[in-house]
Amino acid sequence: MRDLLVTAAVPGPYLLVGHSLGGAYARHYARRFPGDVAGLLLLDPFHEDMAVRAPQHARDKLDQMLEQMRKQELVEPTEEQFQQSRDQMTHHFTAWPETVREPLVERHLATWRTALQENQNLYDKVADEFRHAPDTPDVPLIVLSAMGHDATQAHLWPEEQLRQIQEAKRTLHAELAAESTHGEHRILGDAGHGWLHEECPDAVLQAVNDLLHRAS
């Protein structure tokens, strides 16, 4: 990413915005190259201790899921499955201009395999690299936690177990915000993890504007 920014001659320092695993990457970039970063917006970010500090039942189920992923070959989805995903994403991106919406949806569909492969070493190798990184620089930082309904997570976890997982996530995100003296933790009670930037765009834009103001 740093090489791309230099090659593209994008002037720094940067306000980095990252969602989920992208939030962890944004924080990791800031820890490796603190002079490049003016602020961080982390959208329901992955945390390296998310698995080890989750409730035991969640850790057990996660271990089973990861083991199955390692053993099974990735099977190409059927056209029907692709169409279901296409319909879902098109719905989420309804407000986007068609010239942007259609390529964006197709890009998501084309990279499904990469997303699955990323998860195979996420909780060991990648998480371990994050744990041994330098401290987060003391830059303006906002963490948005999505605590509302998420259809995918509701399908995976019973209601009480999901509530416990959400509370563990809330605690970790508060700790992330506290890594900076300029950190702030905001709760989005009406957004789920997967699409919070589409379900609460005003909250995301407000956070961006607040960080730009603080960094200026």
N, C-alpha and C. Protein backbone atom coordinates (compact mmCIF):
# COMPACT_ATOMS: atom_id res chain seq x y z
N MET A 1 0.83 -1.20 0.00
CA MET A 1 0.00 0.00 0.00
C MET A 1 0.87 1.25 0.00
N ARG A 2 1.93 1.25 0.79
CA ARG A 2 2.81 2.42 0.83
C ARG A 2 3.45 2.66 -0.54
N ASP A 3 3.89 1.60 -1.18
CA ASP A 3 4.49 1.72 -2.51
C ASP A 3 3.49 2.29 -3.51
N LEU A 4 2.23 1.85 -3.41
CA LEU A 4 1.20 2.34 -4.32
C LEU A 4 0.97 3.84 -4.13
N LEU A 5 0.93 4.28 -2.88
CA LEU A 5 0.71 5.70 -2.60
C LEU A 5 1.87 6.54 -3.13
N VAL A 6 3.08 6.04 -2.96
CA VAL A 6 4.25 6.77 -3.45
C VAL A 6 4.25 6.80 -4.98
N THR A 7 3.98 5.65 -5.60
CA THR A 7 3.98 5.56 -7.06
C THR A 7 2.91 6.47 -7.66
N ALA A 8 1.76 6.53 -6.99
CA ALA A 8 0.66 7.38 -7.48
C ALA A 8 0.86 8.85 -7.12
N ALA A 9 1.95 9.14 -6.38
CA ALA A 9 2.26 10.52 -5.98
C ALA A 9 1.13 11.15 -5.18
N VAL A 10 0.52 10.35 -4.30
CA VAL A 10 -0.51 10.88 -3.42
C VAL A 10 0.17 11.51 -2.21
N PRO A 11 0.02 12.78 -1.99
CA PRO A 11 0.73 13.44 -0.89
C PRO A 11 0.17 13.05 0.47
N GLY A 12 1.03 12.85 1.43
CA GLY A 12 0.61 12.57 2.79
C GLY A 12 0.66 13.83 3.64
N PRO A 13 0.39 13.73 4.91
CA PRO A 13 0.00 12.50 5.61
C PRO A 13 -1.46 12.13 5.29
N TYR A 14 -1.82 10.87 5.58
CA TYR A 14 -3.09 10.32 5.14
C TYR A 14 -4.07 10.14 6.30
N LEU A 15 -5.35 10.32 5.99
CA LEU A 15 -6.42 9.89 6.87
C LEU A 15 -6.86 8.52 6.35
N LEU A 16 -6.57 7.47 7.10
CA LEU A 16 -6.88 6.12 6.67
C LEU A 16 -8.23 5.68 7.22
N VAL A 17 -9.06 5.12 6.36
CA VAL A 17 -10.37 4.61 6.74
C VAL A 17 -10.41 3.13 6.37
N GLY A 18 -10.67 2.27 7.35
CA GLY A 18 -10.69 0.84 7.09
C GLY A 18 -11.84 0.15 7.79
N HIS A 19 -12.45 -0.82 7.10
CA HIS A 19 -13.58 -1.57 7.64
C HIS A 19 -13.18 -3.02 7.90
N SER A 20 -13.57 -3.56 9.04
CA SER A 20 -13.34 -4.96 9.39
C SER A 20 -11.84 -5.28 9.38
N LEU A 21 -11.40 -6.24 8.56
CA LEU A 21 -9.97 -6.53 8.47
C LEU A 21 -9.22 -5.32 7.91
N GLY A 22 -9.87 -4.56 7.04
CA GLY A 22 -9.25 -3.34 6.53
C GLY A 22 -8.96 -2.34 7.63
N GLY A 23 -9.78 -2.33 8.69
CA GLY A 23 -9.52 -1.47 9.83
C GLY A 23 -8.25 -1.88 10.55
N ALA A 24 -8.04 -3.20 10.67
CA ALA A 24 -6.81 -3.69 11.29
C ALA A 24 -5.60 -3.35 10.43
N TYR A 25 -5.74 -3.44 9.11
CA TYR A 25 -4.64 -3.08 8.22
C TYR A 25 -4.32 -1.59 8.31
N ALA A 26 -5.35 -0.76 8.41
CA ALA A 26 -5.13 0.68 8.52
C ALA A 26 -4.36 1.00 9.81
N ARG A 27 -4.78 0.40 10.90
CA ARG A 27 -4.09 0.60 12.19
C ARG A 27 -2.66 0.07 12.11
N HIS A 28 -2.46 -1.06 11.44
CA HIS A 28 -1.13 -1.65 11.33
C HIS A 28 -0.22 -0.76 10.48
N TYR A 29 -0.78 -0.17 9.41
CA TYR A 29 -0.01 0.76 8.58
C TYR A 29 0.46 1.94 9.44
N ALA A 30 -0.46 2.48 10.24
CA ALA A 30 -0.10 3.63 11.08
C ALA A 30 0.99 3.26 12.09
N ARG A 31 0.96 2.03 12.58
CA ARG A 31 1.96 1.61 13.56
C ARG A 31 3.32 1.40 12.90
N ARG A 32 3.33 1.00 11.65
CA ARG A 32 4.60 0.79 10.94
C ARG A 32 5.14 2.09 10.36
N PHE A 33 4.26 2.97 9.91
CA PHE A 33 4.69 4.21 9.28
C PHE A 33 3.97 5.40 9.92
N PRO A 34 4.24 5.67 11.19
CA PRO A 34 3.48 6.70 11.92
C PRO A 34 3.60 8.09 11.31
N GLY A 35 4.72 8.40 10.68
CA GLY A 35 4.87 9.72 10.08
C GLY A 35 4.01 9.93 8.86
N ASP A 36 3.45 8.85 8.30
CA ASP A 36 2.61 8.95 7.10
C ASP A 36 1.15 9.24 7.40
N VAL A 37 0.74 9.11 8.67
CA VAL A 37 -0.69 9.06 8.99
C VAL A 37 -1.10 10.25 9.85
N ALA A 38 -2.18 10.93 9.41
CA ALA A 38 -2.71 12.08 10.14
C ALA A 38 -3.91 11.70 11.00
N GLY A 39 -4.54 10.57 10.72
CA GLY A 39 -5.71 10.15 11.49
C GLY A 39 -6.19 8.79 11.05
N LEU A 40 -7.02 8.16 11.90
CA LEU A 40 -7.53 6.82 11.62
C LEU A 40 -9.03 6.76 11.91
N LEU A 41 -9.77 6.19 10.97
CA LEU A 41 -11.18 5.87 11.18
C LEU A 41 -11.33 4.37 10.99
N LEU A 42 -11.66 3.67 12.06
CA LEU A 42 -11.76 2.21 12.05
C LEU A 42 -13.23 1.82 12.14
N LEU A 43 -13.74 1.19 11.10
CA LEU A 43 -15.15 0.82 11.01
C LEU A 43 -15.34 -0.63 11.44
N ASP A 44 -15.84 -0.83 12.65
CA ASP A 44 -16.05 -2.17 13.22
C ASP A 44 -14.83 -3.06 12.92
N PRO A 45 -13.65 -2.64 13.37
CA PRO A 45 -12.41 -3.28 12.94
C PRO A 45 -12.17 -4.65 13.58
N PHE A 46 -11.46 -5.49 12.86
CA PHE A 46 -10.92 -6.72 13.42
C PHE A 46 -9.87 -6.37 14.47
N HIS A 47 -9.82 -7.16 15.54
CA HIS A 47 -8.80 -7.00 16.58
C HIS A 47 -8.06 -8.32 16.72
N GLU A 48 -6.76 -8.24 16.91
CA GLU A 48 -5.94 -9.46 16.96
C GLU A 48 -6.29 -10.40 18.10
N ASP A 49 -6.94 -9.88 19.15
CA ASP A 49 -7.33 -10.72 20.28
C ASP A 49 -8.81 -11.07 20.26
N MET A 50 -9.46 -10.83 19.14
CA MET A 50 -10.89 -11.07 19.06
C MET A 50 -11.23 -12.53 19.32
N ALA A 51 -10.43 -13.44 18.77
CA ALA A 51 -10.71 -14.87 18.96
C ALA A 51 -10.37 -15.34 20.36
N VAL A 52 -9.20 -14.93 20.87
CA VAL A 52 -8.75 -15.45 22.16
C VAL A 52 -9.56 -14.87 23.32
N ARG A 53 -10.20 -13.72 23.11
CA ARG A 53 -10.99 -13.11 24.18
C ARG A 53 -12.49 -13.24 23.97
N ALA A 54 -12.87 -13.96 22.92
CA ALA A 54 -14.29 -14.24 22.71
C ALA A 54 -14.75 -15.31 23.71
N PRO A 55 -16.06 -15.45 23.93
CA PRO A 55 -16.56 -16.52 24.79
C PRO A 55 -16.08 -17.89 24.28
N GLN A 56 -15.94 -18.85 25.19
CA GLN A 56 -15.39 -20.15 24.84
C GLN A 56 -16.18 -20.82 23.73
N HIS A 57 -17.49 -20.73 23.76
CA HIS A 57 -18.30 -21.39 22.72
C HIS A 57 -17.99 -20.80 21.35
N ALA A 58 -17.71 -19.49 21.30
CA ALA A 58 -17.38 -18.86 20.03
C ALA A 58 -16.02 -19.32 19.54
N ARG A 59 -15.05 -19.45 20.45
CA ARG A 59 -13.72 -19.92 20.06
C ARG A 59 -13.78 -21.35 19.53
N ASP A 60 -14.58 -22.18 20.18
CA ASP A 60 -14.70 -23.58 19.74
C ASP A 60 -15.31 -23.65 18.34
N LYS A 61 -16.36 -22.89 18.12
CA LYS A 61 -17.02 -22.92 16.81
C LYS A 61 -16.11 -22.34 15.73
N LEU A 62 -15.38 -21.28 16.06
CA LEU A 62 -14.45 -20.68 15.11
C LEU A 62 -13.36 -21.66 14.72
N ASP A 63 -12.82 -22.39 15.70
CA ASP A 63 -11.80 -23.40 15.40
C ASP A 63 -12.33 -24.46 14.44
N GLN A 64 -13.57 -24.88 14.65
CA GLN A 64 -14.18 -25.87 13.77
C GLN A 64 -14.35 -25.34 12.35
N MET A 65 -14.81 -24.09 12.25
CA MET A 65 -15.02 -23.49 10.94
C MET A 65 -13.70 -23.35 10.18
N LEU A 66 -12.65 -22.91 10.87
CA LEU A 66 -11.35 -22.73 10.22
C LEU A 66 -10.76 -24.07 9.79
N GLU A 67 -10.94 -25.08 10.61
CA GLU A 67 -10.43 -26.40 10.26
C GLU A 67 -11.14 -26.94 9.02
N GLN A 68 -12.43 -26.74 8.93
CA GLN A 68 -13.18 -27.17 7.75
C GLN A 68 -12.72 -26.42 6.51
N MET A 69 -12.44 -25.12 6.65
CA MET A 69 -11.98 -24.33 5.51
C MET A 69 -10.63 -24.82 5.01
N ARG A 70 -9.75 -25.23 5.93
CA ARG A 70 -8.42 -25.69 5.53
C ARG A 70 -8.48 -27.04 4.81
N LYS A 71 -9.43 -27.87 5.19
CA LYS A 71 -9.52 -29.20 4.63
C LYS A 71 -10.27 -29.24 3.30
N GLN A 72 -11.23 -28.34 3.14
CA GLN A 72 -12.08 -28.37 1.96
C GLN A 72 -11.49 -27.54 0.82
N GLU A 73 -11.67 -28.05 -0.38
CA GLU A 73 -11.30 -27.28 -1.56
C GLU A 73 -12.39 -26.23 -1.81
N LEU A 74 -11.95 -25.07 -2.28
CA LEU A 74 -12.90 -24.01 -2.57
C LEU A 74 -13.67 -24.37 -3.84
N VAL A 75 -14.98 -24.48 -3.68
CA VAL A 75 -15.84 -24.86 -4.79
C VAL A 75 -16.44 -23.60 -5.40
N GLU A 76 -16.38 -23.49 -6.70
CA GLU A 76 -16.95 -22.34 -7.39
C GLU A 76 -18.45 -22.25 -7.12
N PRO A 77 -18.95 -21.09 -6.66
CA PRO A 77 -20.38 -20.96 -6.43
C PRO A 77 -21.17 -21.16 -7.71
N THR A 78 -22.41 -21.58 -7.55
CA THR A 78 -23.29 -21.75 -8.70
C THR A 78 -23.75 -20.37 -9.18
N GLU A 79 -24.28 -20.33 -10.37
CA GLU A 79 -24.80 -19.07 -10.90
C GLU A 79 -25.94 -18.56 -10.03
N GLU A 80 -26.74 -19.48 -9.49
CA GLU A 80 -27.82 -19.08 -8.60
C GLU A 80 -27.28 -18.39 -7.34
N GLN A 81 -26.20 -18.95 -6.78
CA GLN A 81 -25.59 -18.35 -5.60
C GLN A 81 -24.99 -16.98 -5.92
N PHE A 82 -24.35 -16.89 -7.08
CA PHE A 82 -23.81 -15.60 -7.51
C PHE A 82 -24.93 -14.57 -7.63
N GLN A 83 -26.07 -14.99 -8.20
CA GLN A 83 -27.17 -14.07 -8.40
C GLN A 83 -27.76 -13.61 -7.06
N GLN A 84 -27.84 -14.52 -6.10
CA GLN A 84 -28.33 -14.14 -4.77
C GLN A 84 -27.43 -13.08 -4.14
N SER A 85 -26.11 -13.29 -4.27
CA SER A 85 -25.16 -12.31 -3.73
C SER A 85 -25.26 -10.99 -4.49
N ARG A 86 -25.42 -11.10 -5.81
CA ARG A 86 -25.54 -9.89 -6.63
C ARG A 86 -26.78 -9.08 -6.23
N ASP A 87 -27.89 -9.77 -6.00
CA ASP A 87 -29.13 -9.08 -5.60
C ASP A 87 -28.95 -8.39 -4.25
N GLN A 88 -28.29 -9.08 -3.31
CA GLN A 88 -28.08 -8.51 -1.99
C GLN A 88 -27.22 -7.25 -2.06
N MET A 89 -26.12 -7.32 -2.79
CA MET A 89 -25.23 -6.17 -2.87
C MET A 89 -25.86 -5.02 -3.65
N THR A 90 -26.60 -5.35 -4.69
CA THR A 90 -27.28 -4.30 -5.45
C THR A 90 -28.25 -3.54 -4.56
N HIS A 91 -28.92 -4.28 -3.67
CA HIS A 91 -29.84 -3.64 -2.72
C HIS A 91 -29.08 -2.68 -1.80
N HIS A 92 -27.93 -3.11 -1.28
CA HIS A 92 -27.17 -2.27 -0.37
C HIS A 92 -26.60 -1.03 -1.06
N PHE A 93 -26.31 -1.16 -2.36
CA PHE A 93 -25.71 -0.04 -3.10
C PHE A 93 -26.74 0.71 -3.95
N THR A 94 -28.02 0.63 -3.56
CA THR A 94 -29.09 1.24 -4.35
C THR A 94 -28.86 2.73 -4.58
N ALA A 95 -28.34 3.42 -3.57
CA ALA A 95 -28.18 4.88 -3.67
C ALA A 95 -27.01 5.29 -4.55
N TRP A 96 -26.17 4.35 -4.93
CA TRP A 96 -24.98 4.69 -5.73
C TRP A 96 -25.38 4.84 -7.20
N PRO A 97 -24.71 5.72 -7.95
CA PRO A 97 -24.98 5.83 -9.40
C PRO A 97 -24.71 4.49 -10.09
N GLU A 98 -25.50 4.16 -11.06
CA GLU A 98 -25.38 2.87 -11.73
C GLU A 98 -23.98 2.65 -12.31
N THR A 99 -23.36 3.72 -12.81
CA THR A 99 -22.03 3.58 -13.40
C THR A 99 -20.99 3.15 -12.38
N VAL A 100 -21.26 3.42 -11.10
CA VAL A 100 -20.37 2.99 -10.02
C VAL A 100 -20.86 1.69 -9.41
N ARG A 101 -22.18 1.59 -9.23
CA ARG A 101 -22.78 0.45 -8.53
C ARG A 101 -22.48 -0.88 -9.22
N GLU A 102 -22.69 -0.95 -10.53
CA GLU A 102 -22.52 -2.22 -11.22
C GLU A 102 -21.08 -2.73 -11.19
N PRO A 103 -20.08 -1.89 -11.51
CA PRO A 103 -18.69 -2.38 -11.41
C PRO A 103 -18.30 -2.76 -9.99
N LEU A 104 -18.84 -2.04 -9.00
CA LEU A 104 -18.53 -2.34 -7.61
C LEU A 104 -19.08 -3.71 -7.22
N VAL A 105 -20.30 -3.99 -7.59
CA VAL A 105 -20.91 -5.30 -7.29
C VAL A 105 -20.12 -6.42 -7.97
N GLU A 106 -19.78 -6.23 -9.22
CA GLU A 106 -19.05 -7.27 -9.94
C GLU A 106 -17.65 -7.49 -9.36
N ARG A 107 -17.06 -6.43 -8.86
CA ARG A 107 -15.74 -6.57 -8.23
C ARG A 107 -15.85 -7.40 -6.95
N HIS A 108 -16.86 -7.15 -6.16
CA HIS A 108 -17.09 -7.95 -4.96
C HIS A 108 -17.26 -9.43 -5.33
N LEU A 109 -18.04 -9.69 -6.34
CA LEU A 109 -18.29 -11.08 -6.74
C LEU A 109 -17.03 -11.75 -7.26
N ALA A 110 -16.17 -10.99 -7.91
CA ALA A 110 -14.96 -11.57 -8.51
C ALA A 110 -13.89 -11.90 -7.48
N THR A 111 -13.97 -11.31 -6.29
CA THR A 111 -12.89 -11.48 -5.30
C THR A 111 -13.32 -12.34 -4.11
N TRP A 112 -14.38 -13.12 -4.25
CA TRP A 112 -14.87 -13.92 -3.12
C TRP A 112 -13.81 -14.91 -2.63
N ARG A 113 -13.04 -15.47 -3.56
CA ARG A 113 -12.05 -16.48 -3.18
C ARG A 113 -10.94 -15.86 -2.32
N THR A 114 -10.52 -14.66 -2.67
CA THR A 114 -9.48 -13.98 -1.90
C THR A 114 -9.93 -13.75 -0.46
N ALA A 115 -11.18 -13.34 -0.28
CA ALA A 115 -11.69 -13.08 1.06
C ALA A 115 -11.67 -14.34 1.92
N LEU A 116 -12.04 -15.47 1.34
CA LEU A 116 -12.02 -16.72 2.10
C LEU A 116 -10.60 -17.14 2.43
N GLN A 117 -9.69 -16.97 1.49
CA GLN A 117 -8.30 -17.36 1.74
C GLN A 117 -7.66 -16.51 2.82
N GLU A 118 -8.05 -15.24 2.90
CA GLU A 118 -7.50 -14.36 3.93
C GLU A 118 -7.80 -14.87 5.33
N ASN A 119 -8.96 -15.47 5.50
CA ASN A 119 -9.37 -15.91 6.83
C ASN A 119 -8.62 -17.15 7.31
N GLN A 120 -7.96 -17.86 6.41
CA GLN A 120 -7.34 -19.13 6.79
C GLN A 120 -6.18 -18.94 7.76
N ASN A 121 -5.45 -17.85 7.68
CA ASN A 121 -4.35 -17.62 8.63
C ASN A 121 -4.54 -16.33 9.43
N LEU A 122 -5.77 -15.83 9.44
CA LEU A 122 -6.05 -14.55 10.08
C LEU A 122 -5.84 -14.60 11.59
N TYR A 123 -6.29 -15.69 12.22
CA TYR A 123 -6.31 -15.73 13.67
C TYR A 123 -5.01 -16.26 14.27
N ASP A 124 -4.07 -16.68 13.43
CA ASP A 124 -2.77 -17.09 13.98
C ASP A 124 -1.66 -16.20 13.43
N LYS A 125 -1.29 -16.36 12.17
CA LYS A 125 -0.15 -15.62 11.64
C LYS A 125 -0.39 -14.12 11.57
N VAL A 126 -1.52 -13.73 11.01
CA VAL A 126 -1.79 -12.29 10.86
C VAL A 126 -1.99 -11.65 12.23
N ALA A 127 -2.78 -12.28 13.09
CA ALA A 127 -3.02 -11.73 14.42
C ALA A 127 -1.71 -11.62 15.20
N ASP A 128 -0.84 -12.61 15.06
CA ASP A 128 0.44 -12.57 15.78
C ASP A 128 1.31 -11.41 15.30
N GLU A 129 1.28 -11.14 13.99
CA GLU A 129 2.04 -9.99 13.46
C GLU A 129 1.51 -8.69 14.05
N PHE A 130 0.18 -8.57 14.15
CA PHE A 130 -0.41 -7.37 14.74
C PHE A 130 0.02 -7.20 16.20
N ARG A 131 0.08 -8.32 16.94
CA ARG A 131 0.42 -8.25 18.37
C ARG A 131 1.84 -7.74 18.60
N HIS A 132 2.73 -8.00 17.66
CA HIS A 132 4.13 -7.64 17.83
C HIS A 132 4.51 -6.35 17.10
N ALA A 133 3.49 -5.60 16.68
CA ALA A 133 3.75 -4.33 15.99
C ALA A 133 4.06 -3.23 17.02
N PRO A 134 4.66 -2.12 16.57
CA PRO A 134 4.88 -0.98 17.48
C PRO A 134 3.54 -0.41 17.97
N ASP A 135 3.62 0.51 18.92
CA ASP A 135 2.42 1.14 19.45
C ASP A 135 1.72 1.98 18.38
N THR A 136 0.43 2.14 18.53
CA THR A 136 -0.33 3.01 17.64
C THR A 136 0.09 4.46 17.88
N PRO A 137 0.36 5.22 16.83
CA PRO A 137 0.76 6.63 17.03
C PRO A 137 -0.38 7.44 17.63
N ASP A 138 -0.02 8.50 18.30
CA ASP A 138 -1.00 9.33 19.00
C ASP A 138 -1.62 10.32 18.03
N VAL A 139 -2.45 9.81 17.14
CA VAL A 139 -3.11 10.62 16.12
C VAL A 139 -4.62 10.61 16.38
N PRO A 140 -5.36 11.57 15.83
CA PRO A 140 -6.82 11.53 15.95
C PRO A 140 -7.35 10.18 15.46
N LEU A 141 -8.21 9.57 16.27
CA LEU A 141 -8.65 8.20 16.02
C LEU A 141 -10.11 8.06 16.45
N ILE A 142 -10.94 7.50 15.57
CA ILE A 142 -12.33 7.19 15.90
C ILE A 142 -12.59 5.73 15.54
N VAL A 143 -13.18 5.01 16.47
CA VAL A 143 -13.58 3.62 16.25
C VAL A 143 -15.11 3.58 16.26
N LEU A 144 -15.71 3.09 15.18
CA LEU A 144 -17.16 2.90 15.10
C LEU A 144 -17.47 1.43 15.30
N SER A 145 -18.28 1.12 16.30
CA SER A 145 -18.68 -0.26 16.57
C SER A 145 -20.11 -0.49 16.10
N ALA A 146 -20.30 -1.46 15.24
CA ALA A 146 -21.63 -1.81 14.73
C ALA A 146 -22.26 -2.80 15.69
N MET A 147 -23.26 -2.37 16.44
CA MET A 147 -23.89 -3.22 17.45
C MET A 147 -25.32 -3.58 17.09
N GLY A 148 -25.75 -3.28 15.87
CA GLY A 148 -27.09 -3.60 15.44
C GLY A 148 -27.18 -4.97 14.80
N HIS A 149 -28.33 -5.26 14.21
CA HIS A 149 -28.58 -6.58 13.61
C HIS A 149 -27.73 -6.77 12.35
N ASP A 150 -27.12 -7.93 12.25
CA ASP A 150 -26.37 -8.30 11.06
C ASP A 150 -26.86 -9.67 10.62
N ALA A 151 -27.40 -9.76 9.41
CA ALA A 151 -28.05 -10.98 8.96
C ALA A 151 -27.09 -12.17 8.93
N THR A 152 -25.86 -11.94 8.48
CA THR A 152 -24.89 -13.04 8.39
C THR A 152 -24.54 -13.57 9.77
N GLN A 153 -24.25 -12.67 10.71
CA GLN A 153 -23.90 -13.12 12.06
C GLN A 153 -25.08 -13.75 12.77
N ALA A 154 -26.28 -13.24 12.54
CA ALA A 154 -27.47 -13.82 13.15
C ALA A 154 -27.71 -15.24 12.64
N HIS A 155 -27.29 -15.51 11.41
CA HIS A 155 -27.42 -16.85 10.84
C HIS A 155 -26.41 -17.82 11.47
N LEU A 156 -25.24 -17.31 11.88
CA LEU A 156 -24.18 -18.16 12.40
C LEU A 156 -24.31 -18.46 13.89
N TRP A 157 -24.88 -17.50 14.65
CA TRP A 157 -24.83 -17.61 16.10
C TRP A 157 -26.22 -17.51 16.72
N PRO A 158 -26.51 -18.32 17.75
CA PRO A 158 -27.75 -18.13 18.52
C PRO A 158 -27.74 -16.76 19.18
N GLU A 159 -28.92 -16.26 19.50
CA GLU A 159 -29.06 -14.88 19.96
C GLU A 159 -28.21 -14.57 21.19
N GLU A 160 -28.23 -15.42 22.21
CA GLU A 160 -27.49 -15.14 23.44
C GLU A 160 -25.99 -15.19 23.20
N GLN A 161 -25.53 -16.14 22.39
CA GLN A 161 -24.10 -16.23 22.08
C GLN A 161 -23.65 -15.01 21.29
N LEU A 162 -24.48 -14.55 20.36
CA LEU A 162 -24.14 -13.37 19.57
C LEU A 162 -24.06 -12.13 20.47
N ARG A 163 -24.94 -12.05 21.45
CA ARG A 163 -24.89 -10.92 22.37
C ARG A 163 -23.56 -10.90 23.13
N GLN A 164 -23.09 -12.07 23.58
CA GLN A 164 -21.82 -12.15 24.29
C GLN A 164 -20.65 -11.76 23.38
N ILE A 165 -20.70 -12.21 22.13
CA ILE A 165 -19.65 -11.86 21.17
C ILE A 165 -19.63 -10.35 20.94
N GLN A 166 -20.81 -9.77 20.80
CA GLN A 166 -20.90 -8.32 20.57
C GLN A 166 -20.33 -7.54 21.76
N GLU A 167 -20.60 -8.01 22.96
CA GLU A 167 -20.08 -7.30 24.13
C GLU A 167 -18.56 -7.40 24.21
N ALA A 168 -18.02 -8.56 23.85
CA ALA A 168 -16.57 -8.71 23.82
C ALA A 168 -15.96 -7.77 22.78
N LYS A 169 -16.63 -7.66 21.63
CA LYS A 169 -16.16 -6.74 20.59
C LYS A 169 -16.21 -5.29 21.07
N ARG A 170 -17.28 -4.93 21.76
CA ARG A 170 -17.40 -3.55 22.28
C ARG A 170 -16.21 -3.21 23.18
N THR A 171 -15.83 -4.16 24.04
CA THR A 171 -14.71 -3.94 24.96
C THR A 171 -13.40 -3.75 24.20
N LEU A 172 -13.16 -4.61 23.21
CA LEU A 172 -11.93 -4.52 22.43
C LEU A 172 -11.86 -3.20 21.66
N HIS A 173 -12.98 -2.78 21.10
CA HIS A 173 -12.99 -1.54 20.35
C HIS A 173 -12.74 -0.33 21.25
N ALA A 174 -13.25 -0.39 22.48
CA ALA A 174 -12.97 0.69 23.43
C ALA A 174 -11.48 0.75 23.73
N GLU A 175 -10.85 -0.41 23.82
CA GLU A 175 -9.41 -0.45 24.06
C GLU A 175 -8.64 0.10 22.87
N LEU A 176 -9.12 -0.17 21.65
CA LEU A 176 -8.48 0.39 20.46
C LEU A 176 -8.53 1.92 20.50
N ALA A 177 -9.70 2.46 20.82
CA ALA A 177 -9.84 3.91 20.87
C ALA A 177 -8.92 4.52 21.92
N ALA A 178 -8.70 3.79 23.01
CA ALA A 178 -7.86 4.30 24.08
C ALA A 178 -6.37 4.23 23.76
N GLU A 179 -6.00 3.64 22.63
CA GLU A 179 -4.60 3.60 22.25
C GLU A 179 -4.06 4.99 21.90
N SER A 180 -4.95 5.92 21.63
CA SER A 180 -4.57 7.29 21.33
C SER A 180 -5.22 8.23 22.33
N THR A 181 -4.48 9.23 22.77
CA THR A 181 -5.08 10.23 23.66
C THR A 181 -6.14 11.04 22.92
N HIS A 182 -6.12 10.94 21.59
CA HIS A 182 -7.12 11.63 20.76
C HIS A 182 -8.19 10.64 20.29
N GLY A 183 -8.28 9.47 20.93
CA GLY A 183 -9.19 8.43 20.47
C GLY A 183 -10.60 8.61 20.97
N GLU A 184 -11.56 8.14 20.17
CA GLU A 184 -12.97 8.21 20.53
C GLU A 184 -13.67 6.95 20.04
N HIS A 185 -14.55 6.42 20.89
CA HIS A 185 -15.29 5.20 20.56
C HIS A 185 -16.77 5.57 20.40
N ARG A 186 -17.33 5.29 19.22
CA ARG A 186 -18.73 5.59 18.95
C ARG A 186 -19.48 4.30 18.63
N ILE A 187 -20.68 4.18 19.20
CA ILE A 187 -21.51 2.99 19.02
C ILE A 187 -22.60 3.27 17.98
N LEU A 188 -22.73 2.36 17.01
CA LEU A 188 -23.81 2.43 16.03
C LEU A 188 -24.79 1.30 16.35
N GLY A 189 -25.88 1.66 17.00
CA GLY A 189 -26.83 0.65 17.43
C GLY A 189 -27.76 0.17 16.34
N ASP A 190 -27.76 0.82 15.19
CA ASP A 190 -28.67 0.45 14.11
C ASP A 190 -27.93 -0.01 12.86
N ALA A 191 -26.70 -0.51 13.04
CA ALA A 191 -25.92 -0.99 11.89
C ALA A 191 -25.31 -2.34 12.22
N GLY A 192 -25.25 -3.22 11.21
CA GLY A 192 -24.56 -4.49 11.35
C GLY A 192 -23.14 -4.40 10.83
N HIS A 193 -22.36 -5.43 11.10
CA HIS A 193 -20.95 -5.40 10.74
C HIS A 193 -20.73 -5.25 9.23
N GLY A 194 -21.41 -6.03 8.44
CA GLY A 194 -21.08 -6.15 7.03
C GLY A 194 -21.32 -4.90 6.21
N TRP A 195 -22.34 -4.10 6.59
CA TRP A 195 -22.74 -3.00 5.71
C TRP A 195 -22.94 -1.70 6.48
N LEU A 196 -22.18 -1.50 7.55
CA LEU A 196 -22.43 -0.30 8.36
C LEU A 196 -22.22 0.98 7.58
N HIS A 197 -21.30 0.98 6.60
CA HIS A 197 -21.04 2.20 5.83
C HIS A 197 -22.20 2.51 4.89
N GLU A 198 -23.04 1.51 4.59
CA GLU A 198 -24.23 1.75 3.77
C GLU A 198 -25.45 1.99 4.65
N GLU A 199 -25.50 1.36 5.81
CA GLU A 199 -26.64 1.50 6.71
C GLU A 199 -26.57 2.79 7.52
N CYS A 200 -25.38 3.25 7.80
CA CYS A 200 -25.20 4.51 8.58
C CYS A 200 -24.19 5.41 7.89
N PRO A 201 -24.42 5.80 6.64
CA PRO A 201 -23.44 6.63 5.92
C PRO A 201 -23.21 7.99 6.58
N ASP A 202 -24.26 8.56 7.17
CA ASP A 202 -24.10 9.88 7.80
C ASP A 202 -23.13 9.81 8.97
N ALA A 203 -23.20 8.72 9.74
CA ALA A 203 -22.30 8.57 10.89
C ALA A 203 -20.85 8.42 10.44
N VAL A 204 -20.66 7.71 9.34
CA VAL A 204 -19.31 7.53 8.79
C VAL A 204 -18.77 8.85 8.27
N LEU A 205 -19.60 9.57 7.51
CA LEU A 205 -19.16 10.86 6.97
C LEU A 205 -18.89 11.87 8.09
N GLN A 206 -19.70 11.85 9.15
CA GLN A 206 -19.47 12.75 10.26
C GLN A 206 -18.13 12.46 10.92
N ALA A 207 -17.81 11.15 11.06
CA ALA A 207 -16.54 10.77 11.66
C ALA A 207 -15.37 11.23 10.79
N VAL A 208 -15.50 11.09 9.48
CA VAL A 208 -14.45 11.56 8.56
C VAL A 208 -14.25 13.06 8.72
N ASN A 209 -15.35 13.81 8.73
CA ASN A 209 -15.25 15.27 8.86
C ASN A 209 -14.64 15.67 10.19
N ASP A 210 -15.01 14.96 11.26
CA ASP A 210 -14.45 15.27 12.58
C ASP A 210 -12.95 15.03 12.60
N LEU A 211 -12.50 13.95 11.98
CA LEU A 211 -11.07 13.65 11.95
C LEU A 211 -10.31 14.66 11.10
N LEU A 212 -10.89 15.06 9.96
CA LEU A 212 -10.25 16.08 9.14
C LEU A 212 -10.09 17.38 9.89
N HIS A 213 -11.11 17.72 10.66
CA HIS A 213 -11.05 18.97 11.45
C HIS A 213 -9.96 18.87 12.52
N ARG A 214 -9.86 17.72 13.18
CA ARG A 214 -8.89 17.56 14.26
C ARG A 214 -7.46 17.49 13.70
N ALA A 215 -7.33 16.94 12.51
CA ALA A 215 -5.99 16.76 11.94
C ALA A 215 -5.47 18.03 11.27
N SER A 216 -6.36 18.99 11.01
CA SER A 216 -5.96 20.20 10.29
C SER A 216 -5.28 21.21 11.21
